[in-house]
Amino acid sequence: MLNKQIFDSRCRLCPRLAGFLDEVKQKHPDYHARPVAPFGDANARLLVVGLAPGMHGANATGRPFTGDYAGLLLYEALYEFGYSNQVLSESVHDGLVLTNCRISNAVKCLPPQNKPTGEEITQCNSFLAAELKTLPDRAVILALGTVAHQAVLKALGLKANSAKFAHNVQHELPNGLVLVNSYHTSRYNVQTKRLTKAGFTDVFQRITTLLG
């Protein structure tokens, strides 16, 4: 059970997001359609941070990157590098377990058109800040995309220009953590080959080296 500083399943602090989730729940009664909790090992040395739940993925299943295209490449890599016991993440009842890894999002609620506002990212940032405080020294944060990258910096009280986003680049953070960037595992990025399996594998090889 996560404490409310890290996650609040009943959070309605963002009126636009809360109202949108109400609408989604009416259209899809069997969907989770609530804030989505971080998932994985409570003592993880690797924290993966995404953007926000996807409509028919985490928002439907209640688990980050589960049930949609964006999770395919991510969970495949987690499996290949020993962080997951399964290559596919299909539902909260599929028996998947993460070891030494946890997955979270910059924004815990599904945003319309998958685009949270700056105000919503800021409102949700206190949850990410509290989660980052639980990480051990020299832990690695993998930020998937620019929004996640900037949310991590904000959560640590750092200026947006203190570390520039670029794929497969690492940043030493002042609190003993290491931030690694990757393009997001979205359908668009994968299908346009902005992010390839080889390119994502390179990111995880870097993480493996960092974690020893």
N, C-alpha and C. Protein backbone atom coordinates (compact mmCIF):
# COMPACT_ATOMS: atom_id res chain seq x y z
N MET A 1 0.84 -1.19 0.00
CA MET A 1 0.00 0.00 0.00
C MET A 1 0.88 1.25 0.00
N LEU A 2 0.70 2.12 -1.00
CA LEU A 2 1.47 3.35 -1.09
C LEU A 2 0.86 4.41 -0.20
N ASN A 3 1.73 5.20 0.48
CA ASN A 3 1.17 6.27 1.30
C ASN A 3 0.68 7.40 0.40
N LYS A 4 -0.17 8.27 0.95
CA LYS A 4 -0.85 9.27 0.14
C LYS A 4 0.06 10.38 -0.37
N GLN A 5 1.28 10.45 0.16
CA GLN A 5 2.23 11.42 -0.39
C GLN A 5 2.72 10.97 -1.76
N ILE A 6 2.76 9.64 -1.97
CA ILE A 6 3.22 9.08 -3.23
C ILE A 6 2.08 8.84 -4.20
N PHE A 7 0.92 8.45 -3.68
CA PHE A 7 -0.21 8.16 -4.55
C PHE A 7 -1.52 8.25 -3.77
N ASP A 8 -2.51 8.90 -4.39
CA ASP A 8 -3.84 9.01 -3.80
C ASP A 8 -4.86 8.52 -4.83
N SER A 9 -5.43 7.36 -4.58
CA SER A 9 -6.36 6.76 -5.53
C SER A 9 -7.63 7.58 -5.71
N ARG A 10 -7.91 8.48 -4.77
CA ARG A 10 -9.12 9.29 -4.84
C ARG A 10 -8.85 10.74 -5.24
N CYS A 11 -7.64 11.01 -5.70
CA CYS A 11 -7.26 12.39 -6.03
C CYS A 11 -8.15 12.97 -7.13
N ARG A 12 -8.63 14.19 -6.89
CA ARG A 12 -9.42 14.94 -7.89
C ARG A 12 -8.96 16.40 -7.90
N LEU A 13 -7.67 16.61 -7.72
CA LEU A 13 -7.13 17.96 -7.64
C LEU A 13 -7.14 18.69 -8.97
N CYS A 14 -7.20 17.95 -10.08
CA CYS A 14 -7.23 18.58 -11.40
C CYS A 14 -8.64 18.45 -11.96
N PRO A 15 -9.44 19.52 -11.94
CA PRO A 15 -10.84 19.43 -12.35
C PRO A 15 -11.05 18.88 -13.76
N ARG A 16 -10.22 19.30 -14.71
CA ARG A 16 -10.37 18.83 -16.09
C ARG A 16 -10.16 17.33 -16.17
N LEU A 17 -9.13 16.82 -15.49
CA LEU A 17 -8.83 15.40 -15.54
C LEU A 17 -9.89 14.58 -14.80
N ALA A 18 -10.33 15.09 -13.65
CA ALA A 18 -11.34 14.39 -12.87
C ALA A 18 -12.64 14.27 -13.67
N GLY A 19 -13.03 15.38 -14.33
CA GLY A 19 -14.25 15.36 -15.13
C GLY A 19 -14.13 14.44 -16.33
N PHE A 20 -12.95 14.42 -16.93
CA PHE A 20 -12.73 13.55 -18.09
C PHE A 20 -12.81 12.08 -17.68
N LEU A 21 -12.24 11.74 -16.53
CA LEU A 21 -12.31 10.35 -16.05
C LEU A 21 -13.75 9.94 -15.76
N ASP A 22 -14.54 10.86 -15.26
CA ASP A 22 -15.96 10.57 -15.02
C ASP A 22 -16.66 10.22 -16.34
N GLU A 23 -16.33 10.98 -17.38
CA GLU A 23 -16.93 10.73 -18.70
C GLU A 23 -16.49 9.38 -19.26
N VAL A 24 -15.21 9.09 -19.10
CA VAL A 24 -14.67 7.81 -19.60
C VAL A 24 -15.31 6.64 -18.88
N LYS A 25 -15.49 6.78 -17.58
CA LYS A 25 -16.10 5.70 -16.79
C LYS A 25 -17.53 5.43 -17.24
N GLN A 26 -18.23 6.47 -17.63
CA GLN A 26 -19.60 6.29 -18.12
C GLN A 26 -19.61 5.54 -19.45
N LYS A 27 -18.66 5.86 -20.32
CA LYS A 27 -18.58 5.21 -21.63
C LYS A 27 -18.00 3.80 -21.53
N HIS A 28 -17.09 3.60 -20.57
CA HIS A 28 -16.42 2.31 -20.42
C HIS A 28 -16.50 1.88 -18.94
N PRO A 29 -17.64 1.37 -18.51
CA PRO A 29 -17.84 1.03 -17.09
C PRO A 29 -16.83 0.02 -16.53
N ASP A 30 -16.26 -0.81 -17.42
CA ASP A 30 -15.33 -1.83 -16.96
C ASP A 30 -13.89 -1.33 -16.91
N TYR A 31 -13.65 -0.07 -17.30
CA TYR A 31 -12.30 0.49 -17.25
C TYR A 31 -11.96 0.93 -15.83
N HIS A 32 -10.68 0.93 -15.51
CA HIS A 32 -10.19 1.43 -14.22
C HIS A 32 -10.60 2.90 -14.04
N ALA A 33 -10.26 3.74 -15.02
CA ALA A 33 -10.70 5.15 -15.08
C ALA A 33 -10.57 5.90 -13.76
N ARG A 34 -9.43 5.74 -13.12
CA ARG A 34 -9.08 6.46 -11.89
C ARG A 34 -7.58 6.74 -11.95
N PRO A 35 -7.03 7.46 -10.99
CA PRO A 35 -5.58 7.60 -10.96
C PRO A 35 -4.91 6.23 -10.95
N VAL A 36 -3.80 6.11 -11.66
CA VAL A 36 -3.08 4.83 -11.79
C VAL A 36 -1.85 4.85 -10.90
N ALA A 37 -1.76 3.87 -10.03
CA ALA A 37 -0.67 3.80 -9.05
C ALA A 37 0.64 3.35 -9.69
N PRO A 38 1.77 3.76 -9.12
CA PRO A 38 3.05 3.18 -9.53
C PRO A 38 3.01 1.67 -9.33
N PHE A 39 3.78 0.94 -10.13
CA PHE A 39 3.76 -0.52 -10.08
C PHE A 39 5.18 -1.07 -10.05
N GLY A 40 5.41 -2.03 -9.14
CA GLY A 40 6.69 -2.71 -9.13
C GLY A 40 7.28 -2.87 -7.76
N ASP A 41 8.59 -3.03 -7.71
CA ASP A 41 9.35 -3.32 -6.51
C ASP A 41 9.47 -2.06 -5.63
N ALA A 42 9.03 -2.18 -4.38
CA ALA A 42 9.08 -1.04 -3.46
C ALA A 42 10.51 -0.61 -3.18
N ASN A 43 11.48 -1.53 -3.32
CA ASN A 43 12.88 -1.23 -3.04
C ASN A 43 13.72 -1.12 -4.31
N ALA A 44 13.09 -0.77 -5.40
CA ALA A 44 13.74 -0.74 -6.71
C ALA A 44 14.88 0.27 -6.78
N ARG A 45 15.90 -0.09 -7.55
CA ARG A 45 16.99 0.83 -7.86
C ARG A 45 16.81 1.45 -9.25
N LEU A 46 15.79 0.97 -9.97
CA LEU A 46 15.45 1.56 -11.27
C LEU A 46 14.00 2.01 -11.23
N LEU A 47 13.79 3.31 -11.48
CA LEU A 47 12.44 3.85 -11.58
C LEU A 47 12.23 4.35 -13.00
N VAL A 48 11.23 3.78 -13.67
CA VAL A 48 10.86 4.21 -15.02
C VAL A 48 9.72 5.21 -14.89
N VAL A 49 9.88 6.38 -15.50
CA VAL A 49 8.85 7.42 -15.43
C VAL A 49 8.32 7.69 -16.83
N GLY A 50 7.01 7.48 -17.01
CA GLY A 50 6.36 7.77 -18.28
C GLY A 50 5.61 9.08 -18.22
N LEU A 51 4.79 9.32 -19.22
CA LEU A 51 4.03 10.57 -19.29
C LEU A 51 2.74 10.50 -18.46
N ALA A 52 1.81 9.65 -18.89
CA ALA A 52 0.50 9.53 -18.24
C ALA A 52 -0.16 8.24 -18.71
N PRO A 53 -1.19 7.76 -18.03
CA PRO A 53 -1.89 6.56 -18.47
C PRO A 53 -2.49 6.74 -19.86
N GLY A 54 -2.47 5.67 -20.66
CA GLY A 54 -3.11 5.68 -21.98
C GLY A 54 -4.57 5.28 -21.86
N MET A 55 -5.39 5.78 -22.75
CA MET A 55 -6.83 5.53 -22.69
C MET A 55 -7.18 4.05 -22.58
N HIS A 56 -6.64 3.24 -23.50
CA HIS A 56 -7.00 1.82 -23.54
C HIS A 56 -5.90 0.94 -22.96
N GLY A 57 -4.94 1.57 -22.30
CA GLY A 57 -3.87 0.85 -21.65
C GLY A 57 -4.01 0.93 -20.14
N ALA A 58 -3.15 1.74 -19.50
CA ALA A 58 -3.18 1.86 -18.04
C ALA A 58 -4.51 2.36 -17.52
N ASN A 59 -5.14 3.28 -18.24
CA ASN A 59 -6.43 3.79 -17.79
C ASN A 59 -7.49 2.69 -17.77
N ALA A 60 -7.35 1.72 -18.66
CA ALA A 60 -8.31 0.61 -18.71
C ALA A 60 -7.96 -0.48 -17.71
N THR A 61 -6.67 -0.80 -17.61
CA THR A 61 -6.24 -1.95 -16.80
C THR A 61 -5.90 -1.59 -15.36
N GLY A 62 -5.48 -0.33 -15.13
CA GLY A 62 -5.08 0.08 -13.79
C GLY A 62 -3.62 -0.16 -13.48
N ARG A 63 -2.81 -0.49 -14.49
CA ARG A 63 -1.38 -0.71 -14.28
C ARG A 63 -0.60 0.01 -15.37
N PRO A 64 0.48 0.72 -15.02
CA PRO A 64 1.23 1.49 -16.00
C PRO A 64 1.70 0.66 -17.19
N PHE A 65 1.53 1.23 -18.39
CA PHE A 65 2.02 0.62 -19.63
C PHE A 65 1.49 -0.80 -19.85
N THR A 66 0.29 -1.05 -19.41
CA THR A 66 -0.29 -2.40 -19.51
C THR A 66 -1.53 -2.40 -20.38
N GLY A 67 -1.51 -3.25 -21.41
CA GLY A 67 -2.68 -3.41 -22.26
C GLY A 67 -2.69 -2.57 -23.51
N ASP A 68 -1.61 -1.80 -23.75
CA ASP A 68 -1.57 -1.01 -24.98
C ASP A 68 -0.19 -1.09 -25.64
N TYR A 69 -0.07 -0.48 -26.80
CA TYR A 69 1.13 -0.59 -27.61
C TYR A 69 2.37 -0.05 -26.90
N ALA A 70 2.21 1.02 -26.14
CA ALA A 70 3.36 1.67 -25.50
C ALA A 70 4.10 0.75 -24.54
N GLY A 71 3.40 -0.28 -24.04
CA GLY A 71 4.04 -1.19 -23.09
C GLY A 71 4.82 -2.31 -23.74
N LEU A 72 4.62 -2.55 -25.02
CA LEU A 72 5.23 -3.71 -25.66
C LEU A 72 6.76 -3.68 -25.61
N LEU A 73 7.34 -2.59 -26.08
CA LEU A 73 8.79 -2.47 -26.11
C LEU A 73 9.36 -2.35 -24.70
N LEU A 74 8.66 -1.64 -23.82
CA LEU A 74 9.14 -1.46 -22.46
C LEU A 74 9.23 -2.78 -21.71
N TYR A 75 8.13 -3.53 -21.68
CA TYR A 75 8.14 -4.78 -20.91
C TYR A 75 9.03 -5.84 -21.55
N GLU A 76 9.19 -5.79 -22.87
CA GLU A 76 10.11 -6.70 -23.54
C GLU A 76 11.54 -6.45 -23.04
N ALA A 77 11.91 -5.17 -22.95
CA ALA A 77 13.25 -4.83 -22.46
C ALA A 77 13.41 -5.20 -20.99
N LEU A 78 12.39 -4.93 -20.20
CA LEU A 78 12.46 -5.27 -18.77
C LEU A 78 12.64 -6.77 -18.58
N TYR A 79 11.98 -7.55 -19.41
CA TYR A 79 12.12 -9.01 -19.35
C TYR A 79 13.53 -9.44 -19.77
N GLU A 80 14.00 -8.90 -20.87
CA GLU A 80 15.31 -9.31 -21.40
C GLU A 80 16.45 -8.94 -20.46
N PHE A 81 16.27 -7.87 -19.69
CA PHE A 81 17.35 -7.44 -18.78
C PHE A 81 17.10 -7.88 -17.34
N GLY A 82 16.14 -8.76 -17.13
CA GLY A 82 15.97 -9.40 -15.83
C GLY A 82 15.14 -8.66 -14.81
N TYR A 83 14.39 -7.63 -15.24
CA TYR A 83 13.58 -6.88 -14.30
C TYR A 83 12.14 -7.40 -14.20
N SER A 84 11.73 -8.19 -15.18
CA SER A 84 10.36 -8.72 -15.21
C SER A 84 10.39 -10.23 -15.42
N ASN A 85 9.39 -10.90 -14.87
CA ASN A 85 9.29 -12.36 -15.05
C ASN A 85 8.50 -12.74 -16.29
N GLN A 86 7.96 -11.74 -17.00
CA GLN A 86 7.17 -12.00 -18.21
C GLN A 86 7.48 -10.96 -19.27
N VAL A 87 7.37 -11.37 -20.52
CA VAL A 87 7.68 -10.46 -21.63
C VAL A 87 6.49 -9.56 -21.98
N LEU A 88 5.27 -9.99 -21.64
CA LEU A 88 4.08 -9.21 -21.94
C LEU A 88 3.37 -8.78 -20.67
N SER A 89 2.83 -7.57 -20.68
CA SER A 89 2.02 -7.06 -19.57
C SER A 89 0.62 -6.80 -20.11
N GLU A 90 -0.32 -7.69 -19.76
CA GLU A 90 -1.63 -7.64 -20.38
C GLU A 90 -2.75 -7.22 -19.43
N SER A 91 -2.63 -7.58 -18.14
CA SER A 91 -3.65 -7.21 -17.17
C SER A 91 -3.07 -7.31 -15.77
N VAL A 92 -3.78 -6.75 -14.80
CA VAL A 92 -3.29 -6.79 -13.42
C VAL A 92 -3.35 -8.20 -12.85
N HIS A 93 -3.99 -9.11 -13.57
CA HIS A 93 -4.14 -10.49 -13.08
C HIS A 93 -3.25 -11.48 -13.83
N ASP A 94 -2.26 -10.97 -14.59
CA ASP A 94 -1.47 -11.86 -15.44
C ASP A 94 -0.26 -12.48 -14.75
N GLY A 95 -0.04 -12.15 -13.48
CA GLY A 95 1.06 -12.75 -12.72
C GLY A 95 2.40 -12.09 -12.94
N LEU A 96 2.45 -10.98 -13.64
CA LEU A 96 3.71 -10.30 -13.88
C LEU A 96 4.25 -9.67 -12.60
N VAL A 97 5.55 -9.85 -12.37
CA VAL A 97 6.23 -9.29 -11.19
C VAL A 97 7.50 -8.57 -11.64
N LEU A 98 7.71 -7.38 -11.15
CA LEU A 98 8.94 -6.65 -11.42
C LEU A 98 9.91 -6.80 -10.26
N THR A 99 11.18 -6.95 -10.58
CA THR A 99 12.24 -7.07 -9.58
C THR A 99 13.25 -5.95 -9.77
N ASN A 100 13.50 -5.20 -8.71
CA ASN A 100 14.46 -4.09 -8.73
C ASN A 100 14.05 -2.98 -9.70
N CYS A 101 12.78 -2.93 -10.04
CA CYS A 101 12.28 -1.91 -10.95
C CYS A 101 10.87 -1.51 -10.55
N ARG A 102 10.55 -0.24 -10.74
CA ARG A 102 9.20 0.27 -10.51
C ARG A 102 8.86 1.21 -11.66
N ILE A 103 7.59 1.25 -12.04
CA ILE A 103 7.14 2.11 -13.13
C ILE A 103 6.13 3.11 -12.59
N SER A 104 6.32 4.37 -12.94
CA SER A 104 5.44 5.43 -12.49
C SER A 104 5.16 6.36 -13.67
N ASN A 105 4.37 7.40 -13.44
CA ASN A 105 4.06 8.37 -14.48
C ASN A 105 4.16 9.79 -13.92
N ALA A 106 4.50 10.72 -14.80
CA ALA A 106 4.55 12.13 -14.40
C ALA A 106 3.17 12.63 -13.99
N VAL A 107 2.14 12.15 -14.70
CA VAL A 107 0.75 12.47 -14.39
C VAL A 107 0.00 11.16 -14.18
N LYS A 108 -0.69 11.04 -13.07
CA LYS A 108 -1.29 9.75 -12.70
C LYS A 108 -2.66 9.50 -13.33
N CYS A 109 -3.27 10.53 -13.93
CA CYS A 109 -4.60 10.38 -14.53
C CYS A 109 -4.54 10.54 -16.04
N LEU A 110 -5.43 9.85 -16.73
CA LEU A 110 -5.55 9.97 -18.17
C LEU A 110 -5.92 11.40 -18.56
N PRO A 111 -5.13 12.06 -19.42
CA PRO A 111 -5.50 13.40 -19.90
C PRO A 111 -6.17 13.30 -21.28
N PRO A 112 -7.07 14.21 -21.60
CA PRO A 112 -7.65 14.23 -22.94
C PRO A 112 -6.56 14.33 -24.00
N GLN A 113 -6.68 13.51 -25.04
CA GLN A 113 -5.72 13.49 -26.16
C GLN A 113 -4.29 13.22 -25.69
N ASN A 114 -4.18 12.61 -24.52
CA ASN A 114 -2.88 12.27 -23.93
C ASN A 114 -1.97 13.48 -23.75
N LYS A 115 -2.59 14.65 -23.50
CA LYS A 115 -1.82 15.88 -23.35
C LYS A 115 -2.21 16.60 -22.08
N PRO A 116 -1.49 16.36 -20.97
CA PRO A 116 -1.76 17.12 -19.75
C PRO A 116 -1.29 18.56 -19.91
N THR A 117 -1.94 19.46 -19.21
CA THR A 117 -1.51 20.86 -19.23
C THR A 117 -0.33 21.03 -18.29
N GLY A 118 0.38 22.15 -18.44
CA GLY A 118 1.48 22.44 -17.53
C GLY A 118 1.03 22.51 -16.09
N GLU A 119 -0.16 23.07 -15.88
CA GLU A 119 -0.70 23.17 -14.52
C GLU A 119 -0.98 21.78 -13.94
N GLU A 120 -1.47 20.86 -14.76
CA GLU A 120 -1.76 19.49 -14.29
C GLU A 120 -0.47 18.74 -13.97
N ILE A 121 0.54 18.94 -14.78
CA ILE A 121 1.84 18.31 -14.51
C ILE A 121 2.40 18.83 -13.18
N THR A 122 2.28 20.12 -12.96
CA THR A 122 2.77 20.71 -11.71
C THR A 122 1.96 20.22 -10.52
N GLN A 123 0.63 20.14 -10.68
CA GLN A 123 -0.24 19.69 -9.58
C GLN A 123 0.11 18.27 -9.15
N CYS A 124 0.45 17.42 -10.11
CA CYS A 124 0.73 16.01 -9.84
C CYS A 124 2.18 15.78 -9.41
N ASN A 125 3.00 16.81 -9.53
CA ASN A 125 4.44 16.65 -9.34
C ASN A 125 4.83 16.30 -7.90
N SER A 126 3.99 16.69 -6.94
CA SER A 126 4.33 16.39 -5.54
C SER A 126 4.36 14.89 -5.29
N PHE A 127 3.53 14.13 -6.01
CA PHE A 127 3.52 12.67 -5.86
C PHE A 127 4.84 12.08 -6.36
N LEU A 128 5.30 12.56 -7.51
CA LEU A 128 6.57 12.09 -8.05
C LEU A 128 7.73 12.49 -7.15
N ALA A 129 7.68 13.71 -6.61
CA ALA A 129 8.73 14.18 -5.71
C ALA A 129 8.84 13.28 -4.48
N ALA A 130 7.70 12.90 -3.93
CA ALA A 130 7.69 12.01 -2.76
C ALA A 130 8.23 10.63 -3.12
N GLU A 131 7.91 10.17 -4.31
CA GLU A 131 8.39 8.85 -4.74
C GLU A 131 9.90 8.85 -4.95
N LEU A 132 10.43 9.92 -5.52
CA LEU A 132 11.87 9.99 -5.74
C LEU A 132 12.65 9.97 -4.43
N LYS A 133 12.05 10.49 -3.37
CA LYS A 133 12.71 10.50 -2.06
C LYS A 133 12.88 9.09 -1.49
N THR A 134 12.12 8.13 -2.02
CA THR A 134 12.22 6.76 -1.51
C THR A 134 13.34 5.97 -2.19
N LEU A 135 13.93 6.53 -3.25
CA LEU A 135 14.95 5.79 -4.00
C LEU A 135 16.28 5.76 -3.24
N PRO A 136 17.00 4.65 -3.33
CA PRO A 136 18.31 4.57 -2.67
C PRO A 136 19.36 5.37 -3.42
N ASP A 137 20.48 5.61 -2.80
CA ASP A 137 21.58 6.34 -3.42
C ASP A 137 22.05 5.60 -4.68
N ARG A 138 22.37 6.37 -5.72
CA ARG A 138 22.83 5.87 -7.01
C ARG A 138 21.77 5.09 -7.76
N ALA A 139 20.52 5.27 -7.38
CA ALA A 139 19.42 4.69 -8.16
C ALA A 139 19.37 5.38 -9.52
N VAL A 140 18.78 4.70 -10.49
CA VAL A 140 18.65 5.24 -11.84
C VAL A 140 17.18 5.54 -12.13
N ILE A 141 16.94 6.72 -12.68
CA ILE A 141 15.60 7.10 -13.13
C ILE A 141 15.63 7.11 -14.65
N LEU A 142 14.78 6.31 -15.28
CA LEU A 142 14.66 6.30 -16.73
C LEU A 142 13.44 7.13 -17.11
N ALA A 143 13.68 8.28 -17.73
CA ALA A 143 12.59 9.16 -18.15
C ALA A 143 12.26 8.89 -19.61
N LEU A 144 11.01 8.48 -19.86
CA LEU A 144 10.57 8.20 -21.22
C LEU A 144 9.92 9.45 -21.81
N GLY A 145 10.69 10.21 -22.56
CA GLY A 145 10.18 11.41 -23.19
C GLY A 145 10.50 12.69 -22.44
N THR A 146 10.32 13.81 -23.12
CA THR A 146 10.68 15.11 -22.58
C THR A 146 9.83 15.51 -21.38
N VAL A 147 8.53 15.22 -21.43
CA VAL A 147 7.65 15.61 -20.31
C VAL A 147 8.08 14.90 -19.03
N ALA A 148 8.35 13.60 -19.12
CA ALA A 148 8.81 12.86 -17.95
C ALA A 148 10.15 13.39 -17.45
N HIS A 149 11.05 13.68 -18.38
CA HIS A 149 12.36 14.25 -18.05
C HIS A 149 12.21 15.54 -17.26
N GLN A 150 11.38 16.44 -17.77
CA GLN A 150 11.19 17.73 -17.10
C GLN A 150 10.46 17.58 -15.77
N ALA A 151 9.55 16.61 -15.69
CA ALA A 151 8.83 16.37 -14.43
C ALA A 151 9.78 15.88 -13.34
N VAL A 152 10.75 15.05 -13.72
CA VAL A 152 11.75 14.57 -12.75
C VAL A 152 12.58 15.73 -12.23
N LEU A 153 13.03 16.59 -13.14
CA LEU A 153 13.81 17.76 -12.72
C LEU A 153 13.01 18.64 -11.77
N LYS A 154 11.74 18.89 -12.13
CA LYS A 154 10.88 19.72 -11.30
C LYS A 154 10.69 19.09 -9.92
N ALA A 155 10.51 17.77 -9.89
CA ALA A 155 10.28 17.06 -8.63
C ALA A 155 11.50 17.13 -7.71
N LEU A 156 12.66 17.32 -8.30
CA LEU A 156 13.90 17.41 -7.52
C LEU A 156 14.30 18.86 -7.24
N GLY A 157 13.43 19.80 -7.64
CA GLY A 157 13.70 21.21 -7.40
C GLY A 157 14.78 21.78 -8.30
N LEU A 158 14.99 21.16 -9.47
CA LEU A 158 16.02 21.61 -10.40
C LEU A 158 15.40 22.43 -11.53
N LYS A 159 16.18 23.32 -12.10
CA LYS A 159 15.69 24.14 -13.21
C LYS A 159 15.58 23.28 -14.47
N ALA A 160 14.64 23.66 -15.33
CA ALA A 160 14.39 22.89 -16.55
C ALA A 160 15.61 22.83 -17.45
N ASN A 161 16.46 23.87 -17.40
CA ASN A 161 17.63 23.89 -18.27
C ASN A 161 18.88 23.30 -17.61
N SER A 162 18.71 22.67 -16.45
CA SER A 162 19.86 22.10 -15.75
C SER A 162 20.33 20.79 -16.38
N ALA A 163 19.45 20.16 -17.17
CA ALA A 163 19.81 18.93 -17.87
C ALA A 163 18.97 18.85 -19.14
N LYS A 164 19.61 18.75 -20.28
CA LYS A 164 18.90 18.74 -21.56
C LYS A 164 18.51 17.33 -21.96
N PHE A 165 17.25 17.17 -22.39
CA PHE A 165 16.79 15.86 -22.84
C PHE A 165 17.45 15.47 -24.15
N ALA A 166 17.94 14.23 -24.20
CA ALA A 166 18.44 13.64 -25.43
C ALA A 166 18.43 12.13 -25.24
N HIS A 167 18.14 11.40 -26.30
CA HIS A 167 18.01 9.95 -26.19
C HIS A 167 19.33 9.29 -25.79
N ASN A 168 19.24 8.37 -24.84
CA ASN A 168 20.38 7.58 -24.34
C ASN A 168 21.51 8.46 -23.81
N VAL A 169 21.11 9.51 -23.10
CA VAL A 169 22.07 10.38 -22.41
C VAL A 169 21.80 10.30 -20.92
N GLN A 170 22.84 10.33 -20.12
CA GLN A 170 22.67 10.29 -18.66
C GLN A 170 23.06 11.60 -18.03
N HIS A 171 22.42 11.90 -16.90
CA HIS A 171 22.70 13.13 -16.15
C HIS A 171 22.92 12.77 -14.69
N GLU A 172 24.03 13.22 -14.14
CA GLU A 172 24.29 13.03 -12.72
C GLU A 172 23.50 14.10 -11.96
N LEU A 173 22.64 13.68 -11.07
CA LEU A 173 21.82 14.62 -10.31
C LEU A 173 22.48 14.91 -8.96
N PRO A 174 22.24 16.09 -8.39
CA PRO A 174 22.95 16.50 -7.18
C PRO A 174 22.62 15.67 -5.94
N ASN A 175 21.56 14.89 -5.97
CA ASN A 175 21.19 14.11 -4.79
C ASN A 175 21.66 12.66 -4.87
N GLY A 176 22.60 12.37 -5.77
CA GLY A 176 23.14 11.02 -5.85
C GLY A 176 22.38 10.10 -6.79
N LEU A 177 21.34 10.61 -7.45
CA LEU A 177 20.60 9.81 -8.43
C LEU A 177 21.17 10.05 -9.82
N VAL A 178 20.87 9.14 -10.74
CA VAL A 178 21.28 9.28 -12.13
C VAL A 178 20.03 9.26 -13.00
N LEU A 179 19.90 10.25 -13.87
CA LEU A 179 18.77 10.33 -14.79
C LEU A 179 19.23 9.90 -16.17
N VAL A 180 18.51 8.93 -16.74
CA VAL A 180 18.79 8.46 -18.10
C VAL A 180 17.56 8.77 -18.96
N ASN A 181 17.79 9.29 -20.16
CA ASN A 181 16.70 9.66 -21.06
C ASN A 181 16.50 8.63 -22.16
N SER A 182 15.25 8.47 -22.57
CA SER A 182 14.93 7.70 -23.77
C SER A 182 13.71 8.33 -24.43
N TYR A 183 13.63 8.21 -25.74
CA TYR A 183 12.38 8.55 -26.40
C TYR A 183 11.28 7.66 -25.82
N HIS A 184 10.07 8.17 -25.78
CA HIS A 184 8.94 7.41 -25.25
C HIS A 184 8.65 6.20 -26.15
N THR A 185 8.15 5.14 -25.53
CA THR A 185 7.86 3.91 -26.27
C THR A 185 6.48 3.94 -26.93
N SER A 186 6.05 5.10 -27.35
CA SER A 186 4.73 5.26 -27.97
C SER A 186 4.68 4.57 -29.33
N ARG A 187 3.46 4.28 -29.77
CA ARG A 187 3.27 3.69 -31.10
C ARG A 187 3.89 4.58 -32.18
N TYR A 188 3.67 5.89 -32.07
CA TYR A 188 4.19 6.81 -33.07
C TYR A 188 5.72 6.73 -33.17
N ASN A 189 6.39 6.79 -32.02
CA ASN A 189 7.86 6.77 -32.03
C ASN A 189 8.41 5.46 -32.57
N VAL A 190 7.75 4.34 -32.24
CA VAL A 190 8.22 3.04 -32.70
C VAL A 190 7.95 2.85 -34.19
N GLN A 191 6.75 3.22 -34.64
CA GLN A 191 6.40 3.00 -36.04
C GLN A 191 7.15 3.93 -36.99
N THR A 192 7.52 5.11 -36.51
CA THR A 192 8.31 6.03 -37.33
C THR A 192 9.81 5.75 -37.20
N LYS A 193 10.13 4.77 -36.35
CA LYS A 193 11.52 4.35 -36.10
C LYS A 193 12.36 5.43 -35.42
N ARG A 194 11.69 6.39 -34.81
CA ARG A 194 12.44 7.33 -33.97
C ARG A 194 13.06 6.55 -32.80
N LEU A 195 12.29 5.57 -32.31
CA LEU A 195 12.80 4.67 -31.28
C LEU A 195 12.76 3.25 -31.83
N THR A 196 13.91 2.62 -31.92
CA THR A 196 14.00 1.24 -32.40
C THR A 196 14.31 0.31 -31.23
N LYS A 197 14.12 -0.98 -31.46
CA LYS A 197 14.45 -1.95 -30.42
C LYS A 197 15.94 -1.88 -30.07
N ALA A 198 16.78 -1.72 -31.10
CA ALA A 198 18.22 -1.62 -30.86
C ALA A 198 18.56 -0.37 -30.05
N GLY A 199 17.90 0.74 -30.38
CA GLY A 199 18.14 1.97 -29.65
C GLY A 199 17.69 1.89 -28.21
N PHE A 200 16.59 1.18 -27.96
CA PHE A 200 16.10 1.03 -26.59
C PHE A 200 16.97 0.04 -25.81
N THR A 201 17.46 -0.98 -26.50
CA THR A 201 18.39 -1.92 -25.87
C THR A 201 19.65 -1.20 -25.41
N ASP A 202 20.13 -0.27 -26.21
CA ASP A 202 21.31 0.52 -25.83
C ASP A 202 21.07 1.27 -24.52
N VAL A 203 19.86 1.80 -24.36
CA VAL A 203 19.51 2.51 -23.13
C VAL A 203 19.60 1.57 -21.94
N PHE A 204 19.06 0.38 -22.07
CA PHE A 204 19.08 -0.58 -20.96
C PHE A 204 20.47 -1.13 -20.70
N GLN A 205 21.30 -1.21 -21.71
CA GLN A 205 22.69 -1.60 -21.47
C GLN A 205 23.41 -0.53 -20.64
N ARG A 206 23.10 0.73 -20.91
CA ARG A 206 23.67 1.82 -20.12
C ARG A 206 23.20 1.71 -18.65
N ILE A 207 21.90 1.45 -18.48
CA ILE A 207 21.34 1.32 -17.13
C ILE A 207 21.98 0.15 -16.38
N THR A 208 22.17 -0.97 -17.07
CA THR A 208 22.79 -2.14 -16.46
C THR A 208 24.20 -1.82 -15.97
N THR A 209 24.95 -1.07 -16.78
CA THR A 209 26.29 -0.66 -16.38
C THR A 209 26.24 0.26 -15.15
N LEU A 210 25.31 1.18 -15.13
CA LEU A 210 25.19 2.12 -14.02
C LEU A 210 24.83 1.41 -12.71
N LEU A 211 23.96 0.40 -12.81
CA LEU A 211 23.53 -0.31 -11.61
C LEU A 211 24.49 -1.43 -11.23
N GLY A 212 25.47 -1.67 -12.07
CA GLY A 212 26.48 -2.66 -11.73
C GLY A 212 25.99 -4.09 -11.77
